[in-house]
Amino acid sequence: MQAPALCETELVAVLVCLERGAPHVFTLNNGAILPSGPLMPGQLSLQKSLREWVRQQTGIQPGHTEQLYTFADTHLGDGHRRVRISYMTCLPPTVERLEGDHRPHTAALLDIEAQPADPLVSFYTYFPWEDRRHPAHAALIAPLLEGLKCWAAQDPARQQRCAITFGLAGHAWNDELALSRYELLWEVGLIPESCTQAEPERVTGLSMQHDYRHVLATALSRIRAKIRYTSIVFDLLPRYFTLLHLQQAMEALAGRPMHKQNFRRLVLQQGLLEETEQMDFSGPGRPARLYAADNQGQDNCYLAGAKSPLPDLVW
């Protein structure tokens, strides 16, 4: 009679914040892993165990957490199997003030002595092809598109899949398909986790141990979906912010520019904000009005409808 496979459970935390104009995640081991640990002995709550691991490894006391996904396909050998249950938490700035460039500033939320290296790593360090805010994106993604073209050359079904996933051949770029794009690149063998012949990091992104980058791709897709219909962006902002600050936060999360006038009209028409009497004098031009999120007006939030057109990708 065959012995049953042994199964280990690991709880993984994706701690998201906005820093230096991009969504960042808290990591360990120089960006190679995410805070994680098994269900603690005597603990019946998965989230309580997760919070304790996060506190021990980063010094952060996470607030509201939501479950991302359960990954059950990691085999350790000798019949062992590891199930990873991932959770995501959005962290606000600890210092509620505006920097001179109108971008959010996240102060140290952790015990520096316990984590000497900078634990904050941009999502776009792991997924450089996902940041389409800058003209240089086309040149950056070209080697990946060439690899996809070779993979799909003689297969119409593959060509259609690539076109839909990466916004090619007349298909629009869908921000929410970040997970699908990562999984396609993994399948084709264009990233280090799936291929021994890794491309330069600036193209393929920083790799991670195990399947943690898969977890991150899931989190990025989840965030981009939620900014379309929830007020999650306000969880990442300071208490008071300008309209430009809010727009830049949305652009950072979506990885694409937004039309300034349309965005402001959309935000103000929905009644999502409370106008304050305070002004931001940190910028070089005229002082900007500071706003606060209106919790009563966020049930029907839609902020991602003012996207600017993106240049077509050529393959």
Protein backbone atom coordinates (compact mmCIF):
# COMPACT_ATOMS: atom_id res chain seq x y z
CA MET A 1 0.00 0.00 0.00
CA GLN A 2 1.45 3.36 -1.03
CA ALA A 3 2.14 5.78 1.83
CA PRO A 4 0.17 9.03 1.67
CA ALA A 5 2.05 12.10 0.48
CA LEU A 6 3.14 14.47 3.18
CA CYS A 7 1.86 18.00 2.85
CA GLU A 8 3.32 21.18 4.35
CA THR A 9 1.45 24.46 4.64
CA GLU A 10 3.17 27.81 4.19
CA LEU A 11 1.53 31.20 4.75
CA VAL A 12 2.88 33.95 2.47
CA ALA A 13 2.41 37.70 2.95
CA VAL A 14 2.37 40.28 0.14
CA LEU A 15 2.80 43.65 1.88
CA VAL A 16 2.13 46.40 -0.65
CA CYS A 17 2.94 50.11 -0.38
CA LEU A 18 3.52 53.04 -2.72
CA GLU A 19 7.10 54.30 -2.74
CA ARG A 20 9.11 56.39 -5.18
CA GLY A 21 6.34 56.48 -7.75
CA ALA A 22 5.72 52.71 -7.99
CA PRO A 23 3.99 49.93 -6.05
CA HIS A 24 6.52 48.17 -3.84
CA VAL A 25 6.49 44.97 -1.85
CA PHE A 26 8.33 44.08 1.38
CA THR A 27 10.80 41.24 0.81
CA LEU A 28 13.54 39.28 2.57
CA ASN A 29 16.95 37.97 1.46
CA ASN A 30 17.64 40.85 -0.93
CA GLY A 31 14.33 40.51 -2.72
CA ALA A 32 14.48 36.74 -3.18
CA ILE A 33 11.61 35.71 -0.91
CA LEU A 34 8.46 37.06 0.73
CA PRO A 35 7.67 37.02 4.47
CA SER A 36 6.26 33.58 5.20
CA GLY A 37 6.03 30.72 7.65
CA PRO A 38 4.01 27.62 8.55
CA LEU A 39 0.88 27.49 10.65
CA MET A 40 2.14 27.95 14.20
CA PRO A 41 1.73 25.11 16.73
CA GLY A 42 -1.42 25.52 18.77
CA GLN A 43 -2.71 28.30 16.49
CA LEU A 44 -6.05 27.66 14.80
CA SER A 45 -6.18 30.88 12.78
CA LEU A 46 -4.22 31.09 9.53
CA GLN A 47 -4.31 34.89 9.54
CA LYS A 48 -3.09 35.13 13.14
CA SER A 49 -0.16 32.89 12.31
CA LEU A 50 0.57 34.97 9.22
CA ARG A 51 0.50 38.21 11.22
CA GLU A 52 2.91 36.78 13.76
CA TRP A 53 5.36 35.66 11.05
CA VAL A 54 5.16 39.11 9.45
CA ARG A 55 5.79 40.79 12.81
CA GLN A 56 8.78 38.58 13.56
CA GLN A 57 10.37 38.87 10.10
CA THR A 58 9.66 42.52 9.27
CA GLY A 59 8.48 44.30 12.41
CA ILE A 60 5.25 45.28 10.61
CA GLN A 61 1.88 44.93 12.28
CA PRO A 62 -0.38 44.34 9.25
CA GLY A 63 -3.95 45.59 9.30
CA HIS A 64 -6.68 44.20 7.06
CA THR A 65 -5.54 41.23 4.98
CA GLU A 66 -7.29 39.42 2.16
CA GLN A 67 -6.53 35.99 0.83
CA LEU A 68 -5.01 35.97 -2.63
CA TYR A 69 -4.71 32.38 -3.78
CA THR A 70 -3.69 28.91 -2.67
CA PHE A 71 -0.81 27.38 -4.64
CA ALA A 72 -0.82 23.60 -4.32
CA ASP A 73 1.53 22.50 -7.10
CA THR A 74 4.90 22.80 -5.33
CA HIS A 75 6.55 19.37 -4.94
CA LEU A 76 9.52 19.03 -2.61
CA GLY A 77 10.53 15.49 -3.48
CA ASP A 78 10.21 12.22 -1.50
CA GLY A 79 6.44 12.49 -1.73
CA HIS A 80 6.40 15.84 0.06
CA ARG A 81 4.20 18.64 -1.17
CA ARG A 82 3.97 22.27 -0.08
CA VAL A 83 0.75 24.26 -0.18
CA ARG A 84 1.26 28.02 -0.16
CA ILE A 85 -1.64 30.18 1.02
CA SER A 86 -1.01 33.80 0.10
CA TYR A 87 -2.46 36.97 1.61
CA MET A 88 -2.21 40.63 0.63
CA THR A 89 -2.13 43.73 2.82
CA CYS A 90 -2.05 47.36 1.65
CA LEU A 91 0.09 49.57 3.87
CA PRO A 92 -0.47 53.34 4.20
CA PRO A 93 2.41 55.79 4.67
CA THR A 94 3.52 56.09 8.26
CA VAL A 95 4.26 59.78 7.81
CA GLU A 96 1.21 61.53 6.37
CA ARG A 97 2.85 64.28 4.39
CA LEU A 98 3.54 65.08 0.75
CA GLU A 99 6.96 65.06 -0.78
CA GLY A 100 7.99 67.78 -3.20
CA ASP A 101 7.22 65.58 -6.22
CA HIS A 102 3.66 64.92 -4.99
CA ARG A 103 4.35 61.25 -4.53
CA PRO A 104 3.64 59.17 -1.43
CA HIS A 105 6.44 58.53 1.00
CA THR A 106 6.50 55.35 3.04
CA ALA A 107 8.76 55.61 6.05
CA ALA A 108 10.38 52.55 7.61
CA LEU A 109 7.62 50.28 8.89
CA LEU A 110 9.95 47.61 10.15
CA ASP A 111 12.72 46.85 12.57
CA ILE A 112 15.80 47.96 10.62
CA GLU A 113 18.14 45.89 12.78
CA ALA A 114 16.22 42.75 11.88
CA GLN A 115 16.34 43.53 8.13
CA PRO A 116 19.56 45.37 7.25
CA ALA A 117 19.12 45.41 3.45
CA ASP A 118 16.42 47.57 1.85
CA PRO A 119 13.39 45.26 1.90
CA LEU A 120 11.28 47.42 -0.41
CA VAL A 121 11.38 46.27 -4.04
CA SER A 122 9.27 47.68 -6.85
CA PHE A 123 6.79 45.34 -8.51
CA TYR A 124 8.27 46.56 -11.79
CA THR A 125 11.69 45.27 -10.79
CA TYR A 126 10.08 41.82 -10.97
CA PHE A 127 7.79 42.62 -13.92
CA PRO A 128 9.46 45.36 -16.03
CA TRP A 129 7.14 44.68 -18.98
CA GLU A 130 4.14 45.76 -16.83
CA ASP A 131 5.14 49.43 -16.49
CA ARG A 132 3.96 51.19 -19.64
CA ARG A 133 4.15 54.75 -18.33
CA HIS A 134 7.39 55.52 -20.16
CA PRO A 135 8.30 55.57 -23.89
CA ALA A 136 11.26 53.26 -23.24
CA HIS A 137 8.86 50.39 -22.60
CA ALA A 138 8.69 49.39 -26.28
CA ALA A 139 12.45 48.79 -26.49
CA LEU A 140 12.44 47.01 -23.13
CA ILE A 141 9.76 44.51 -24.06
CA ALA A 142 10.98 43.85 -27.63
CA PRO A 143 13.17 40.80 -26.75
CA LEU A 144 10.24 39.15 -24.97
CA LEU A 145 7.92 39.77 -27.90
CA GLU A 146 10.52 38.27 -30.24
CA GLY A 147 10.65 35.16 -28.05
CA LEU A 148 6.86 34.89 -28.09
CA LYS A 149 6.85 35.31 -31.87
CA CYS A 150 9.24 32.40 -32.33
CA TRP A 151 7.21 30.23 -29.93
CA ALA A 152 3.92 30.93 -31.73
CA ALA A 153 5.25 31.07 -35.30
CA GLN A 154 3.49 27.97 -36.71
CA ASP A 155 0.51 27.82 -34.37
CA PRO A 156 -2.50 30.16 -34.89
CA ALA A 157 -3.90 29.32 -31.46
CA ARG A 158 -0.64 30.35 -29.82
CA GLN A 159 -0.54 33.53 -31.88
CA GLN A 160 -4.06 34.43 -30.76
CA ARG A 161 -3.19 33.76 -27.13
CA CYS A 162 -0.09 35.97 -27.31
CA ALA A 163 -2.03 38.73 -29.05
CA ILE A 164 -4.77 38.81 -26.42
CA THR A 165 -2.42 38.51 -23.44
CA PHE A 166 0.11 41.14 -24.58
CA GLY A 167 -2.19 43.47 -26.52
CA LEU A 168 -0.87 42.69 -30.00
CA ALA A 169 -2.37 42.60 -33.49
CA GLY A 170 -5.16 45.04 -32.72
CA HIS A 171 -5.95 43.79 -29.22
CA ALA A 172 -5.90 46.34 -26.39
CA TRP A 173 -3.41 46.03 -23.52
CA ASN A 174 -5.38 44.80 -20.48
CA ASP A 175 -3.75 45.90 -17.22
CA GLU A 176 -5.42 43.12 -15.26
CA LEU A 177 -3.73 40.35 -17.26
CA ALA A 178 -0.43 40.71 -15.36
CA LEU A 179 -0.76 37.17 -14.01
CA SER A 180 -1.60 35.74 -17.44
CA ARG A 181 1.43 37.47 -18.97
CA TYR A 182 3.76 36.06 -16.31
CA GLU A 183 2.34 32.56 -16.71
CA LEU A 184 2.71 32.75 -20.49
CA LEU A 185 6.34 33.88 -20.23
CA TRP A 186 6.98 31.04 -17.78
CA GLU A 187 5.40 28.51 -20.15
CA VAL A 188 7.43 29.75 -23.10
CA GLY A 189 10.62 29.61 -21.02
CA LEU A 190 11.53 33.30 -21.17
CA ILE A 191 12.07 33.87 -17.45
CA PRO A 192 14.70 32.39 -15.10
CA GLU A 193 12.22 30.36 -13.03
CA SER A 194 11.38 28.26 -16.08
CA CYS A 195 14.59 28.36 -18.12
CA THR A 196 18.27 27.81 -17.40
CA GLN A 197 19.27 30.23 -20.17
CA ALA A 198 18.02 33.39 -18.46
CA GLU A 199 17.85 36.70 -20.26
CA PRO A 200 19.32 39.84 -18.67
CA GLU A 201 17.44 40.99 -15.59
CA ARG A 202 16.38 44.27 -17.14
CA VAL A 203 14.24 42.30 -19.61
CA THR A 204 13.04 39.32 -17.61
CA GLY A 205 12.84 41.02 -14.24
CA LEU A 206 14.38 40.04 -10.93
CA SER A 207 13.76 36.36 -10.19
CA MET A 208 12.67 34.95 -6.84
CA GLN A 209 13.08 31.66 -5.06
CA HIS A 210 10.40 28.98 -5.31
CA ASP A 211 7.16 30.36 -6.81
CA TYR A 212 7.10 33.67 -4.95
CA ARG A 213 7.14 35.70 -8.18
CA HIS A 214 4.01 33.79 -9.20
CA VAL A 215 2.44 34.98 -5.94
CA LEU A 216 3.48 38.56 -6.73
CA ALA A 217 1.99 38.39 -10.22
CA THR A 218 -1.27 37.25 -8.65
CA ALA A 219 -1.18 40.22 -6.28
CA LEU A 220 -0.51 42.70 -9.10
CA SER A 221 -3.46 41.40 -11.10
CA ARG A 222 -5.67 41.56 -8.01
CA ILE A 223 -4.70 45.16 -7.24
CA ARG A 224 -5.29 46.28 -10.82
CA ALA A 225 -8.71 44.63 -10.83
CA LYS A 226 -9.67 46.19 -7.50
CA ILE A 227 -8.75 49.76 -8.48
CA ARG A 228 -11.49 49.55 -11.12
CA TYR A 229 -14.35 48.99 -8.68
CA THR A 230 -13.12 49.58 -5.11
CA SER A 231 -11.42 52.36 -3.16
CA ILE A 232 -8.26 50.31 -2.48
CA VAL A 233 -6.01 53.14 -3.74
CA PHE A 234 -6.94 55.22 -0.69
CA ASP A 235 -5.50 52.50 1.57
CA LEU A 236 -2.08 53.30 0.08
CA LEU A 237 -2.29 57.09 0.34
CA PRO A 238 -1.68 59.50 3.19
CA ARG A 239 -4.72 61.03 4.86
CA TYR A 240 -4.50 64.22 2.78
CA PHE A 241 -3.44 64.34 -0.87
CA THR A 242 -3.77 66.42 -4.01
CA LEU A 243 -5.60 65.34 -7.16
CA LEU A 244 -2.23 65.00 -8.88
CA HIS A 245 -1.05 62.78 -6.04
CA LEU A 246 -4.12 60.57 -6.49
CA GLN A 247 -3.66 60.37 -10.25
CA GLN A 248 0.01 59.44 -9.94
CA ALA A 249 -0.92 56.70 -7.46
CA MET A 250 -3.46 55.27 -9.90
CA GLU A 251 -0.97 55.45 -12.76
CA ALA A 252 1.65 53.68 -10.65
CA LEU A 253 -0.73 50.83 -9.80
CA ALA A 254 -2.11 50.45 -13.33
CA GLY A 255 1.30 50.87 -14.95
CA ARG A 256 -0.06 53.28 -17.55
CA PRO A 257 -0.73 57.04 -17.92
CA MET A 258 -4.14 58.59 -17.42
CA HIS A 259 -5.72 61.65 -18.98
CA LYS A 260 -5.45 64.47 -16.43
CA GLN A 261 -8.67 66.37 -17.14
CA ASN A 262 -10.78 63.23 -17.61
CA PHE A 263 -9.40 61.68 -14.44
CA ARG A 264 -10.15 64.73 -12.32
CA ARG A 265 -13.66 65.03 -13.76
CA LEU A 266 -14.31 61.35 -13.08
CA VAL A 267 -13.10 61.58 -9.49
CA LEU A 268 -14.99 64.74 -8.59
CA GLN A 269 -18.25 63.62 -10.22
CA GLN A 270 -18.35 60.45 -8.12
CA GLY A 271 -18.20 62.30 -4.81
CA LEU A 272 -15.29 60.19 -3.60
CA LEU A 273 -13.37 63.05 -1.99
CA GLU A 274 -13.81 65.64 0.71
CA GLU A 275 -12.28 69.01 -0.11
CA THR A 276 -10.29 70.45 2.77
CA GLU A 277 -9.21 74.00 3.57
CA GLN A 278 -5.56 72.94 3.46
CA MET A 279 -3.18 73.61 0.59
CA ASP A 280 0.01 71.90 -0.53
CA PHE A 281 2.83 74.43 -0.97
CA SER A 282 5.59 71.92 -1.74
CA GLY A 283 5.38 72.12 -5.53
CA PRO A 284 7.08 74.73 -7.74
CA GLY A 285 3.81 76.18 -9.09
CA ARG A 286 0.58 77.36 -7.54
CA PRO A 287 -0.45 75.70 -4.26
CA ALA A 288 -2.71 72.68 -4.79
CA ARG A 289 -5.85 71.86 -2.83
CA LEU A 290 -5.63 68.95 -0.43
CA TYR A 291 -8.40 66.36 -0.35
CA ALA A 292 -9.36 63.44 1.88
CA ALA A 293 -11.19 60.24 0.99
CA ASP A 294 -14.94 60.35 1.64
CA ASN A 295 -15.74 56.97 3.16
CA GLN A 296 -19.47 57.41 2.54
CA GLY A 297 -19.02 57.85 -1.20
CA GLN A 298 -16.83 54.84 -1.98
CA ASP A 299 -19.44 52.10 -2.44
CA ASN A 300 -19.54 52.63 -6.21
CA CYS A 301 -15.95 53.64 -6.87
CA TYR A 302 -14.67 53.75 -10.45
CA LEU A 303 -11.30 55.44 -10.89
CA ALA A 304 -9.68 53.56 -13.75
CA GLY A 305 -11.87 54.89 -16.55
CA ALA A 306 -9.63 57.78 -17.64
CA LYS A 307 -6.76 55.83 -19.18
CA SER A 308 -4.77 57.44 -21.94
CA PRO A 309 -4.21 55.43 -25.15
CA LEU A 310 -1.07 53.30 -25.23
CA PRO A 311 1.22 52.94 -28.26
CA ASP A 312 0.82 49.66 -30.12
CA LEU A 313 3.36 46.93 -29.47
CA VAL A 314 4.94 45.54 -32.62
CA TRP A 315 6.08 41.93 -33.03
